[in-house]
Amino acid sequence: MTSNLWLVFALLSALFAALTSIFAKVGIEGVNSNLATALRTIVVLIMAWGMVFITKSQGERPAAQ
C-alpha cells in the first residue's frame, strides 16, 4: 500500500481541485472576488499543511546542496 500512496494523494488532489472550482462558481456567488480568492487560498493552505502532518514530514529539513 505504501508504494501506491502517491496515487491516493493524486486522486485526493484532483478531488479537492474539482471541489474548489465548484465552490468558486456556486458557493460564493455575490462575494467580492478578492475575498473569494483569499478564502480559497486559506482552504488550500489548510489542506497542504494537513498533508505535511499526515505524512509526518514537518520535522524534516531539506538536504544542503
Foldseek 3Di string as FASTA:
>chain_A
DVVCVVVVVVVVVVVVVVVLVVCLVPVQPPDPPVVSVVVSVVVVVVVVVVVCVVVVPPPDDDDDD
